[in-house]
């Protein structure tokens, strides 16, 4: 494809589509490697689902409210060290989460200290230690494998060599369970009939895998169930989640990369066969409606894979089109953003909680810390999210939409009042975002907020590849191994960048 009359055609080495955490990571890494890079983001700020917004004196995290990978050797610690950028200020979460099952009054605490967590789970789930030990062994194998930065699934001899180089005896043994689910692990260890344990696992796994225990890949689930404990851990960022994006933006700018906000990409056109130079053309509209067109040798797309049919049109290979059509929809979300007087909260409350709630569904709750920049002194922000199918919200007529939204907000507020032992009408501020709001904020199809469900058929060697069937097009983000979350999408960005640079005879290694 050639540039149309009246449009600018600026050629660069790489264009990165989407300025969330994956896109920021990919663009910064490529710029640090010496490539000319343009990062295009439709919104007025970077961050995507890990961004923030303000309402008066309150700062709310849009979607993601905690971060992993800031510990020594974690993906974000390695990334910031490689870029020469100071990481955002953060404190470890302890407990990582407090989970209250339906009808109970004593929560399950996911303590940061592994020994304390072992004591907690033995007390909460007697007779389950064989299950936890098996998960621990699988996690250790998985983590050793992941620390070697494997390429999964491999789609070239170089990819395969990299993946094989990360394998050891432990990984070959755990690979025997590559087709198993977390529920299979429960049955193998004699815990399949423990309904209380299963309910707890369903709640936790749904946060990360989009699936319950019976459909979550065992190798994936074993690791996410260990994310809250040292030497890993979950972190609370000072200021807001936007501080993670800001630090990555500094890395991108310091390396000489470009960031264009307010640039919505509408079309990705592959090189025209036989026409030199072989360049991709990225087209869209800037803020205000002005069209733009940028030519590049490579494109990294971080958008959900459900956006590829529209972005590529007839250029999308039929095999990939058929596979995408066979995927279930990712999740949408209902998110309540509230503010409250801090003295109404229970003493010594954790910052992250889960409530097994009926209508509109289980709640994941995040509370700001005093002095973290999200609320005035003596007040706190309270964010509660619920997974919800996205498409039905986008199909509702306005009166039905508003009524359903009102009922959902009332249900979430009732759950929060019960969970936090609040008086009636405690909120200084309260509003609800639905998939429609996330569609507007992120541009994701139907407002999807999650990646592909991490079932065995879609995880690791069986998932979508970052090396697409189209030469020069690379994929990363929450649809690509190792899945969603800030650490997961940064890992996928590193993988795509390593492949891109290897195609140019270059290498990329983050020190451990």
Protein backbone atom coordinates (compact mmCIF):
# COMPACT_ATOMS: atom_id res chain seq x y z
CA UNK A 1 0.00 0.00 0.00
CA UNK A 2 1.25 3.48 -0.81
CA UNK A 3 0.48 6.71 1.05
CA UNK A 4 -2.68 8.47 -0.04
CA UNK A 5 -2.62 12.06 -1.22
CA UNK A 6 -2.75 14.58 1.58
CA UNK A 7 -1.45 12.22 4.25
CA UNK A 8 1.99 12.30 5.84
CA UNK A 9 4.06 9.14 5.55
CA UNK A 10 6.83 9.11 8.17
CA UNK A 11 8.90 5.92 7.96
CA UNK A 12 10.39 4.44 11.12
CA UNK A 13 11.81 1.13 12.28
CA UNK A 14 8.82 0.13 14.38
CA UNK A 15 5.34 1.32 15.29
CA UNK A 16 3.81 0.09 18.54
CA UNK A 17 0.01 0.17 18.63
CA UNK A 18 -1.46 0.78 22.07
CA UNK A 19 0.06 2.70 24.97
CA UNK A 20 -0.86 0.40 27.84
CA UNK A 21 1.82 -1.31 29.94
CA UNK A 22 2.64 -3.79 27.15
CA UNK A 23 2.99 -1.06 24.53
CA UNK A 24 5.05 1.21 26.77
CA UNK A 25 7.35 -1.70 27.61
CA UNK A 26 7.79 -2.75 23.98
CA UNK A 27 8.40 0.78 22.72
CA UNK A 28 10.92 1.57 25.46
CA UNK A 29 12.85 -1.66 24.87
CA UNK A 30 13.05 -1.15 21.11
CA UNK A 31 14.08 2.49 21.49
CA UNK A 32 16.75 1.50 24.02
CA UNK A 33 18.02 -0.99 21.42
CA UNK A 34 18.54 1.89 19.01
CA UNK A 35 15.48 1.58 16.77
CA UNK A 36 13.37 4.54 15.72
CA UNK A 37 10.04 3.90 17.40
CA UNK A 38 6.63 5.55 17.45
CA UNK A 39 4.12 4.52 20.11
CA UNK A 40 0.52 5.35 19.17
CA UNK A 41 -2.14 5.63 21.86
CA UNK A 42 -5.76 6.63 21.23
CA UNK A 43 -6.38 8.07 24.68
CA UNK A 44 -5.12 11.40 26.05
CA UNK A 45 -2.86 9.49 28.48
CA UNK A 46 -0.97 6.22 28.51
CA UNK A 47 -1.69 3.27 30.78
CA UNK A 48 -4.81 1.73 29.25
CA UNK A 49 -6.57 -0.45 31.83
CA UNK A 50 -3.75 0.45 34.26
CA UNK A 51 -4.43 4.18 33.93
CA UNK A 52 -6.11 6.60 36.32
CA UNK A 53 -8.67 9.39 36.37
CA UNK A 54 -9.64 12.14 38.82
CA UNK A 55 -12.92 13.16 40.37
CA UNK A 56 -12.44 16.30 42.43
CA UNK A 57 -9.92 15.47 45.19
CA UNK A 58 -9.90 11.73 44.40
CA UNK A 59 -7.62 9.75 42.10
CA UNK A 60 -9.01 6.41 40.94
CA UNK A 61 -7.17 3.54 39.30
CA UNK A 62 -9.22 2.65 36.24
CA UNK A 63 -8.81 -1.13 36.27
CA UNK A 64 -5.59 -2.61 37.61
CA UNK A 65 -5.00 -1.66 41.26
CA UNK A 66 -1.91 -3.69 42.17
CA UNK A 67 1.30 -4.63 40.41
CA UNK A 68 3.63 -7.64 40.39
CA UNK A 69 7.22 -7.96 39.25
CA UNK A 70 8.87 -5.19 41.29
CA UNK A 71 10.79 -7.62 43.50
CA UNK A 72 14.51 -8.26 42.76
CA UNK A 73 14.63 -10.29 39.56
CA UNK A 74 10.98 -9.54 38.75
CA UNK A 75 10.12 -8.45 35.22
CA UNK A 76 9.53 -4.80 36.12
CA UNK A 77 12.63 -4.55 38.31
CA UNK A 78 14.71 -6.01 35.47
CA UNK A 79 13.04 -3.74 32.95
CA UNK A 80 13.65 -0.50 34.86
CA UNK A 81 17.23 -1.52 35.58
CA UNK A 82 17.77 -2.17 31.85
CA UNK A 83 16.26 1.19 30.91
CA UNK A 84 18.19 3.07 33.59
CA UNK A 85 14.98 4.44 35.07
CA UNK A 86 14.01 4.71 38.73
CA UNK A 87 11.04 2.39 39.41
CA UNK A 88 7.90 3.86 40.93
CA UNK A 89 7.68 4.01 44.72
CA UNK A 90 5.80 0.97 46.00
CA UNK A 91 5.18 -1.01 49.18
CA UNK A 92 4.61 -4.78 49.40
CA UNK A 93 1.10 -5.95 50.16
CA UNK A 94 0.75 -8.07 53.29
CA UNK A 95 -1.65 -9.74 53.05
CA UNK A 96 -1.79 -9.73 49.27
CA UNK A 97 -5.53 -10.25 49.56
CA UNK A 98 -8.15 -11.02 52.22
CA UNK A 99 -10.87 -13.38 50.96
CA UNK A 100 -14.27 -13.70 52.63
CA UNK A 101 -16.38 -16.64 51.48
CA UNK A 102 -20.17 -16.45 51.39
CA UNK A 103 -21.82 -16.93 54.79
CA UNK A 104 -18.55 -16.67 56.72
CA UNK A 105 -17.14 -14.02 59.03
CA UNK A 106 -13.44 -14.97 59.21
CA UNK A 107 -11.46 -14.11 56.06
CA UNK A 108 -8.69 -16.15 54.45
CA UNK A 109 -5.51 -14.08 54.52
CA UNK A 110 -2.93 -14.48 51.73
CA UNK A 111 0.11 -13.59 53.81
CA UNK A 112 3.32 -12.48 52.14
CA UNK A 113 5.50 -14.71 54.34
CA UNK A 114 5.37 -18.27 52.88
CA UNK A 115 5.45 -19.92 56.32
CA UNK A 116 2.64 -17.76 57.63
CA UNK A 117 0.61 -18.50 54.49
CA UNK A 118 1.25 -22.24 54.95
CA UNK A 119 -0.10 -22.03 58.50
CA UNK A 120 -3.12 -20.05 57.30
CA UNK A 121 -4.09 -22.52 54.58
CA UNK A 122 -3.56 -25.52 56.88
CA UNK A 123 -5.95 -23.92 59.36
CA UNK A 124 -8.46 -22.86 56.70
CA UNK A 125 -8.31 -26.00 54.53
CA UNK A 126 -7.33 -29.02 56.67
CA UNK A 127 -6.10 -31.97 54.63
CA UNK A 128 -5.20 -29.88 51.56
CA UNK A 129 -1.44 -29.69 52.00
CA UNK A 130 -0.73 -32.28 49.29
CA UNK A 131 -2.49 -30.01 46.81
CA UNK A 132 -0.52 -26.93 47.91
CA UNK A 133 2.78 -28.79 47.82
CA UNK A 134 2.10 -29.99 44.28
CA UNK A 135 1.22 -26.43 43.26
CA UNK A 136 4.41 -25.21 44.92
CA UNK A 137 6.56 -27.71 43.01
CA UNK A 138 4.90 -26.73 39.72
CA UNK A 139 5.36 -23.06 40.53
CA UNK A 140 9.07 -23.49 41.22
CA UNK A 141 9.46 -25.27 37.88
CA UNK A 142 7.40 -22.64 36.08
CA UNK A 143 9.30 -19.75 37.62
CA UNK A 144 12.71 -21.19 36.79
CA UNK A 145 11.50 -21.65 33.20
CA UNK A 146 10.02 -18.16 32.99
CA UNK A 147 13.17 -16.53 34.37
CA UNK A 148 15.02 -17.80 31.28
CA UNK A 149 12.68 -15.72 29.06
CA UNK A 150 11.36 -18.52 26.84
CA UNK A 151 9.48 -17.95 23.58
CA UNK A 152 6.06 -19.60 23.70
CA UNK A 153 4.56 -20.87 21.55
CA UNK A 154 7.52 -21.24 19.17
CA UNK A 155 6.86 -20.44 15.51
CA UNK A 156 10.39 -20.47 14.05
CA UNK A 157 13.64 -22.38 14.56
CA UNK A 158 14.96 -19.46 16.61
CA UNK A 159 11.85 -19.47 18.80
CA UNK A 160 12.15 -23.22 19.30
CA UNK A 161 15.83 -23.03 20.22
CA UNK A 162 15.06 -20.34 22.78
CA UNK A 163 12.21 -22.34 24.31
CA UNK A 164 14.28 -25.54 24.43
CA UNK A 165 17.15 -23.65 26.04
CA UNK A 166 14.87 -22.75 28.94
CA UNK A 167 13.92 -26.38 29.64
CA UNK A 168 15.42 -28.53 32.35
CA UNK A 169 14.47 -31.81 34.04
CA UNK A 170 11.90 -30.09 36.28
CA UNK A 171 10.16 -28.52 33.29
CA UNK A 172 10.09 -31.82 31.39
CA UNK A 173 8.42 -33.43 34.40
CA UNK A 174 5.88 -30.65 34.93
CA UNK A 175 5.16 -30.65 31.19
CA UNK A 176 3.32 -33.92 31.73
CA UNK A 177 0.58 -31.77 33.28
CA UNK A 178 0.40 -29.28 30.40
CA UNK A 179 -3.09 -30.48 29.52
CA UNK A 180 -4.36 -30.57 33.11
CA UNK A 181 -6.46 -28.08 35.00
CA UNK A 182 -6.23 -26.87 38.60
CA UNK A 183 -9.25 -29.06 39.37
CA UNK A 184 -7.29 -32.04 38.05
CA UNK A 185 -4.60 -31.20 40.62
CA UNK A 186 -7.28 -31.20 43.32
CA UNK A 187 -8.42 -34.66 42.28
CA UNK A 188 -4.85 -36.00 41.99
CA UNK A 189 -4.17 -34.96 45.58
CA UNK A 190 -7.46 -36.21 47.00
CA UNK A 191 -8.97 -32.74 47.46
CA UNK A 192 -11.54 -32.81 44.67
CA UNK A 193 -14.44 -33.04 47.12
CA UNK A 194 -13.43 -30.01 49.21
CA UNK A 195 -16.08 -27.56 48.04
CA UNK A 196 -14.87 -24.74 50.29
CA UNK A 197 -11.34 -24.96 48.93
CA UNK A 198 -12.69 -25.11 45.42
CA UNK A 199 -14.78 -21.98 45.97
CA UNK A 200 -11.72 -20.13 47.27
CA UNK A 201 -9.68 -21.25 44.26
CA UNK A 202 -12.44 -20.24 41.84
CA UNK A 203 -12.48 -16.72 43.29
CA UNK A 204 -8.71 -16.30 43.17
CA UNK A 205 -8.15 -17.86 39.75
CA UNK A 206 -10.92 -15.84 38.15
CA UNK A 207 -8.92 -12.68 38.91
CA UNK A 208 -5.98 -13.84 36.81
CA UNK A 209 -7.07 -16.55 34.39
CA UNK A 210 -10.64 -15.48 33.57
CA UNK A 211 -11.58 -19.08 34.39
CA UNK A 212 -12.53 -21.15 37.45
CA UNK A 213 -10.43 -24.07 38.72
CA UNK A 214 -12.02 -26.63 36.42
CA UNK A 215 -10.97 -24.63 33.33
CA UNK A 216 -7.70 -22.98 34.43
CA UNK A 217 -4.49 -24.56 33.14
CA UNK A 218 -2.70 -26.26 36.03
CA UNK A 219 0.71 -24.81 35.10
CA UNK A 220 -0.73 -21.29 34.99
CA UNK A 221 -2.83 -21.62 38.13
CA UNK A 222 0.02 -23.03 40.22
CA UNK A 223 2.02 -19.84 39.67
CA UNK A 224 -0.72 -17.24 40.07
CA UNK A 225 -1.73 -18.88 43.36
CA UNK A 226 1.80 -18.14 44.62
CA UNK A 227 2.00 -14.54 43.40
CA UNK A 228 1.30 -12.97 46.81
CA UNK A 229 4.18 -14.73 48.61
CA UNK A 230 7.89 -13.93 48.79
CA UNK A 231 10.22 -14.02 46.93
CA UNK A 232 7.53 -12.73 44.56
CA UNK A 233 4.79 -10.51 45.90
CA UNK A 234 2.15 -7.95 45.04
CA UNK A 235 2.79 -4.22 45.39
CA UNK A 236 0.82 -1.05 46.13
CA UNK A 237 2.06 1.94 44.14
CA UNK A 238 2.46 5.36 45.69
CA UNK A 239 0.33 8.00 43.94
CA UNK A 240 -1.58 5.73 41.58
CA UNK A 241 -1.13 2.98 39.02
CA UNK A 242 -0.31 5.76 36.56
CA UNK A 243 3.13 6.00 38.18
CA UNK A 244 4.06 2.72 36.48
CA UNK A 245 3.18 4.17 33.06
CA UNK A 246 4.98 7.42 33.90
CA UNK A 247 8.19 5.55 34.71
CA UNK A 248 7.96 3.61 31.44
CA UNK A 249 7.31 6.85 29.56
CA UNK A 250 10.53 8.23 31.05
CA UNK A 251 12.38 5.18 29.79
CA UNK A 252 10.90 5.64 26.32
CA UNK A 253 11.75 9.36 26.18
CA UNK A 254 15.24 8.82 27.58
CA UNK A 255 15.92 6.28 24.81
CA UNK A 256 14.68 8.67 22.12
CA UNK A 257 11.37 6.96 21.32
CA UNK A 258 8.25 8.86 20.30
CA UNK A 259 4.83 8.80 21.99
CA UNK A 260 1.81 10.12 20.13
CA UNK A 261 -1.27 10.42 22.33
CA UNK A 262 -4.71 10.92 20.82
CA UNK A 263 -3.80 8.76 17.80
CA UNK A 264 -6.36 6.02 17.17
CA UNK A 265 -5.19 3.33 14.75
CA UNK A 266 -7.86 2.12 12.32
CA UNK A 267 -5.94 0.04 9.78
CA UNK A 268 -2.76 -2.03 9.56
CA UNK A 269 -1.71 -2.73 5.97
CA UNK A 270 1.12 -5.20 5.29
CA UNK A 271 3.81 -4.55 2.67
CA UNK A 272 2.70 -4.81 -0.94
CA UNK A 273 4.35 -7.87 -2.54
CA UNK A 274 7.11 -6.86 -4.93
CA UNK A 275 7.02 -3.21 -3.90
CA UNK A 276 10.17 -1.87 -2.24
CA UNK A 277 10.74 -0.81 0.43
CA UNK A 278 8.75 -3.48 2.28
CA UNK A 279 6.91 -1.34 4.78
CA UNK A 280 3.81 -1.69 6.89
CA UNK A 281 1.42 1.26 6.75
CA UNK A 282 -0.37 2.25 9.94
CA UNK A 283 -3.39 4.51 9.43
CA UNK A 284 -5.79 6.26 11.73
CA UNK A 285 -7.07 9.54 13.05
CA UNK A 286 -5.47 11.94 15.50
CA UNK A 287 -7.41 13.94 18.04
CA UNK A 288 -9.70 16.30 16.21
CA UNK A 289 -10.16 13.91 13.30
CA UNK A 290 -7.00 14.65 11.31
CA UNK A 291 -5.91 11.49 9.44
CA UNK A 292 -2.39 10.16 9.82
CA UNK A 293 -0.34 7.49 8.10
CA UNK A 294 2.99 6.10 9.30
CA UNK A 295 5.17 3.59 7.47
CA UNK A 296 7.33 1.14 9.41
CA UNK A 297 9.39 -1.99 8.87
CA UNK A 298 7.74 -3.69 11.87
CA UNK A 299 4.54 -3.29 13.87
CA UNK A 300 3.92 -4.49 17.41
CA UNK A 301 0.20 -4.64 18.15
CA UNK A 302 -0.88 -4.73 21.79
CA UNK A 303 -4.61 -4.46 21.11
CA UNK A 304 -6.81 -7.41 22.07
CA UNK A 305 -6.64 -10.04 19.35
CA UNK A 306 -10.38 -9.60 18.84
CA UNK A 307 -9.48 -6.27 17.19
CA UNK A 308 -7.29 -7.89 14.51
CA UNK A 309 -10.09 -8.65 12.00
CA UNK A 310 -11.03 -4.97 11.84
CA UNK A 311 -7.44 -3.71 11.89
CA UNK A 312 -6.18 -6.08 9.18
CA UNK A 313 -9.31 -6.63 7.10
CA UNK A 314 -8.70 -9.04 4.23
CA UNK A 315 -5.00 -9.21 5.08
CA UNK A 316 -5.80 -11.32 8.18
CA UNK A 317 -4.75 -14.91 7.36
CA UNK A 318 -7.71 -17.26 7.21
CA UNK A 319 -6.24 -19.76 9.67
CA UNK A 320 -5.80 -17.04 12.28
CA UNK A 321 -9.25 -15.63 11.50
CA UNK A 322 -10.83 -19.03 12.12
CA UNK A 323 -8.97 -19.47 15.38
CA UNK A 324 -9.98 -16.06 16.66
CA UNK A 325 -13.60 -16.80 15.79
CA UNK A 326 -13.43 -19.92 17.97
CA UNK A 327 -12.42 -18.06 21.14
CA UNK A 328 -14.91 -17.21 23.85
CA UNK A 329 -15.25 -13.52 24.64
CA UNK A 330 -12.90 -12.09 27.25
CA UNK A 331 -14.52 -10.61 30.32
CA UNK A 332 -16.01 -7.22 30.76
CA UNK A 333 -16.13 -5.48 34.12
CA UNK A 334 -18.37 -3.42 36.33
CA UNK A 335 -16.24 -1.13 38.50
CA UNK A 336 -17.54 0.99 41.36
CA UNK A 337 -15.42 4.02 42.24
CA UNK A 338 -16.22 5.36 45.69
CA UNK A 339 -14.82 7.56 48.44
CA UNK A 340 -15.38 7.25 52.17
CA UNK A 341 -14.28 8.70 55.51
CA UNK A 342 -11.40 6.56 56.71
CA UNK A 343 -12.66 6.31 60.29
CA UNK A 344 -15.63 4.28 58.99
CA UNK A 345 -13.31 1.48 57.87
CA UNK A 346 -12.38 -1.44 60.12
CA UNK A 347 -9.12 -1.09 62.01
CA UNK A 348 -6.08 -2.71 60.39
CA UNK A 349 -7.99 -3.43 57.20
CA UNK A 350 -6.03 -4.91 54.25
CA UNK A 351 -5.79 -2.87 51.06
CA UNK A 352 -7.18 -5.64 48.83
CA UNK A 353 -10.13 -7.88 49.61
CA UNK A 354 -12.41 -10.35 47.89
CA UNK A 355 -16.04 -10.98 48.79
CA UNK A 356 -17.99 -14.00 47.61
CA UNK A 357 -21.06 -11.91 46.72
CA UNK A 358 -24.19 -12.86 44.82
CA UNK A 359 -25.52 -9.89 42.85
CA UNK A 360 -23.93 -8.66 40.63
CA UNK A 361 -21.14 -11.13 41.49
CA UNK A 362 -17.98 -11.67 43.55
CA UNK A 363 -16.27 -8.38 44.41
CA UNK A 364 -12.57 -7.56 44.23
CA UNK A 365 -12.02 -4.51 46.43
CA UNK A 366 -9.09 -2.10 46.62
CA UNK A 367 -8.78 0.57 49.32
CA UNK A 368 -6.30 3.44 49.20
CA UNK A 369 -3.69 3.81 51.94
CA UNK A 370 -3.42 6.94 54.04
CA UNK A 371 -1.00 9.34 52.36
CA UNK A 372 -0.73 7.44 49.07
CA UNK A 373 -2.05 10.39 47.03
CA UNK A 374 -5.42 8.94 46.08
CA UNK A 375 -7.60 10.77 48.62
CA UNK A 376 -7.40 13.70 51.07
CA UNK A 377 -6.17 13.04 54.61
CA UNK A 378 -8.76 11.15 56.63
CA UNK A 379 -10.50 9.78 53.54
CA UNK A 380 -10.04 6.74 51.31
CA UNK A 381 -10.97 5.65 47.82
CA UNK A 382 -12.75 2.32 47.55
CA UNK A 383 -12.79 0.51 44.21
CA UNK A 384 -14.87 -2.64 43.72
CA UNK A 385 -14.84 -4.61 40.47
CA UNK A 386 -17.04 -7.44 39.22
CA UNK A 387 -16.56 -9.50 36.07
CA UNK A 388 -19.50 -9.31 33.68
CA UNK A 389 -20.15 -10.38 30.08
CA UNK A 390 -19.37 -7.33 27.96
CA UNK A 391 -21.49 -7.63 24.82
CA UNK A 392 -24.93 -7.51 26.53
CA UNK A 393 -24.11 -4.14 28.10
CA UNK A 394 -23.26 -2.69 24.70
CA UNK A 395 -26.52 -3.94 23.18
CA UNK A 396 -28.91 -2.41 25.72
CA UNK A 397 -31.20 0.47 24.82
CA UNK A 398 -30.55 3.55 26.95
CA UNK A 399 -33.44 3.22 29.46
CA UNK A 400 -32.67 -0.47 30.08
CA UNK A 401 -28.98 0.30 30.29
CA UNK A 402 -29.45 2.97 32.95
CA UNK A 403 -31.77 0.77 34.99
CA UNK A 404 -29.38 -2.17 34.89
CA UNK A 405 -26.47 0.09 35.77
CA UNK A 406 -28.38 1.52 38.75
CA UNK A 407 -29.22 -1.98 40.03
CA UNK A 408 -25.62 -3.14 39.65
CA UNK A 409 -24.29 -0.15 41.59
CA UNK A 410 -26.79 -0.76 44.37
CA UNK A 411 -25.72 -4.40 44.55
CA UNK A 412 -22.02 -3.52 44.75
CA UNK A 413 -22.63 -0.86 47.41
CA UNK A 414 -24.61 -3.39 49.48
CA UNK A 415 -21.72 -5.86 49.24
CA UNK A 416 -19.22 -3.21 50.34
CA UNK A 417 -21.38 -2.20 53.29
CA UNK A 418 -21.48 -5.82 54.44
CA UNK A 419 -17.80 -6.55 53.78
CA UNK A 420 -16.48 -3.40 55.47
CA UNK A 421 -19.19 -3.16 58.19
CA UNK A 422 -20.23 0.29 57.01
CA UNK A 423 -23.25 2.33 58.04
CA UNK A 424 -26.00 3.02 55.46
CA UNK A 425 -25.14 5.55 52.72
CA UNK A 426 -21.46 5.88 53.68
CA UNK A 427 -20.02 7.08 50.38
CA UNK A 428 -18.88 10.65 49.77
CA UNK A 429 -18.59 9.79 46.08
CA UNK A 430 -19.86 6.88 44.04
CA UNK A 431 -20.07 6.03 40.34
CA UNK A 432 -20.12 2.89 38.24
CA UNK A 433 -18.25 2.08 35.03
CA UNK A 434 -19.61 -0.63 32.74
CA UNK A 435 -18.14 -2.24 29.61
CA UNK A 436 -19.53 0.75 27.69
CA UNK A 437 -17.27 3.03 29.70
CA UNK A 438 -14.26 0.79 29.12
CA UNK A 439 -15.06 0.73 25.40
CA UNK A 440 -14.86 4.53 25.40
CA UNK A 441 -11.75 4.64 27.64
CA UNK A 442 -9.63 1.93 26.03
CA UNK A 443 -11.13 1.39 22.57
CA UNK A 444 -11.11 -2.37 23.24
CA UNK A 445 -13.89 -4.26 21.42
CA UNK A 446 -17.06 -4.21 23.57
CA UNK A 447 -14.98 -2.88 26.47
CA UNK A 448 -13.19 -6.18 27.10
CA UNK A 449 -10.82 -5.87 30.05
CA UNK A 450 -9.29 -9.35 30.20
CA UNK A 451 -7.25 -11.48 27.90
CA UNK A 452 -8.02 -14.98 26.70
CA UNK A 453 -9.12 -17.38 29.41
CA UNK A 454 -6.11 -19.41 30.50
CA UNK A 455 -7.53 -22.85 29.76
CA UNK A 456 -5.02 -25.60 28.88
CA UNK A 457 -5.83 -25.24 25.17
CA UNK A 458 -4.88 -21.55 25.22
CA UNK A 459 -1.92 -21.45 27.58
CA UNK A 460 1.81 -21.67 26.90
CA UNK A 461 2.68 -23.88 23.93
CA UNK A 462 -1.00 -24.05 22.93
CA UNK A 463 -1.68 -20.31 22.98
CA UNK A 464 -1.51 -17.58 20.39
CA UNK A 465 1.99 -16.75 19.21
CA UNK A 466 3.61 -13.35 19.47
CA UNK A 467 5.15 -14.06 16.06
CA UNK A 468 2.14 -13.57 13.79
CA UNK A 469 1.70 -15.32 10.41
CA UNK A 470 2.38 -11.96 8.72
CA UNK A 471 6.07 -11.03 8.48
CA UNK A 472 6.82 -7.90 10.46
CA UNK A 473 3.68 -8.07 12.64
CA UNK A 474 4.22 -9.00 16.29
CA UNK A 475 1.63 -9.41 19.02
CA UNK A 476 1.83 -8.86 22.77
CA UNK A 477 -0.48 -7.99 25.62
CA UNK A 478 -2.94 -9.95 27.72
CA UNK A 479 -3.92 -12.31 24.87
CA UNK A 480 -0.34 -13.59 24.55
CA UNK A 481 1.77 -15.76 26.89
CA UNK A 482 2.02 -15.48 29.86
CA UNK A 483 -1.39 -13.74 30.09
CA UNK A 484 -2.86 -10.72 31.79
CA UNK A 485 -1.66 -8.49 34.62
CA UNK A 486 1.04 -5.85 34.48
CA UNK A 487 3.86 -8.40 34.89
CA UNK A 488 2.36 -10.75 32.32
CA UNK A 489 1.93 -8.15 29.59
CA UNK A 490 5.43 -6.76 30.18
CA UNK A 491 6.82 -10.29 29.82
CA UNK A 492 4.94 -10.72 26.54
CA UNK A 493 6.33 -7.37 25.31
CA UNK A 494 9.87 -8.50 26.11
CA UNK A 495 9.23 -11.71 24.17
CA UNK A 496 7.96 -9.88 21.07
CA UNK A 497 10.88 -7.42 21.18
CA UNK A 498 13.42 -10.23 21.41
CA UNK A 499 11.87 -11.88 18.34
CA UNK A 500 11.75 -8.63 16.38
CA UNK A 501 15.37 -7.80 17.14
CA UNK A 502 16.50 -11.37 16.40
CA UNK A 503 14.91 -11.02 12.95
CA UNK A 504 17.34 -8.13 12.44
CA UNK A 505 20.34 -10.09 13.70
CA UNK A 506 20.24 -8.36 17.09
CA UNK A 507 19.85 -9.71 20.60
CA UNK A 508 18.09 -8.42 23.70
CA UNK A 509 18.77 -9.64 27.21
CA UNK A 510 17.57 -8.22 30.50
CA UNK A 511 20.03 -8.90 33.31
CA UNK A 512 18.67 -10.98 36.14
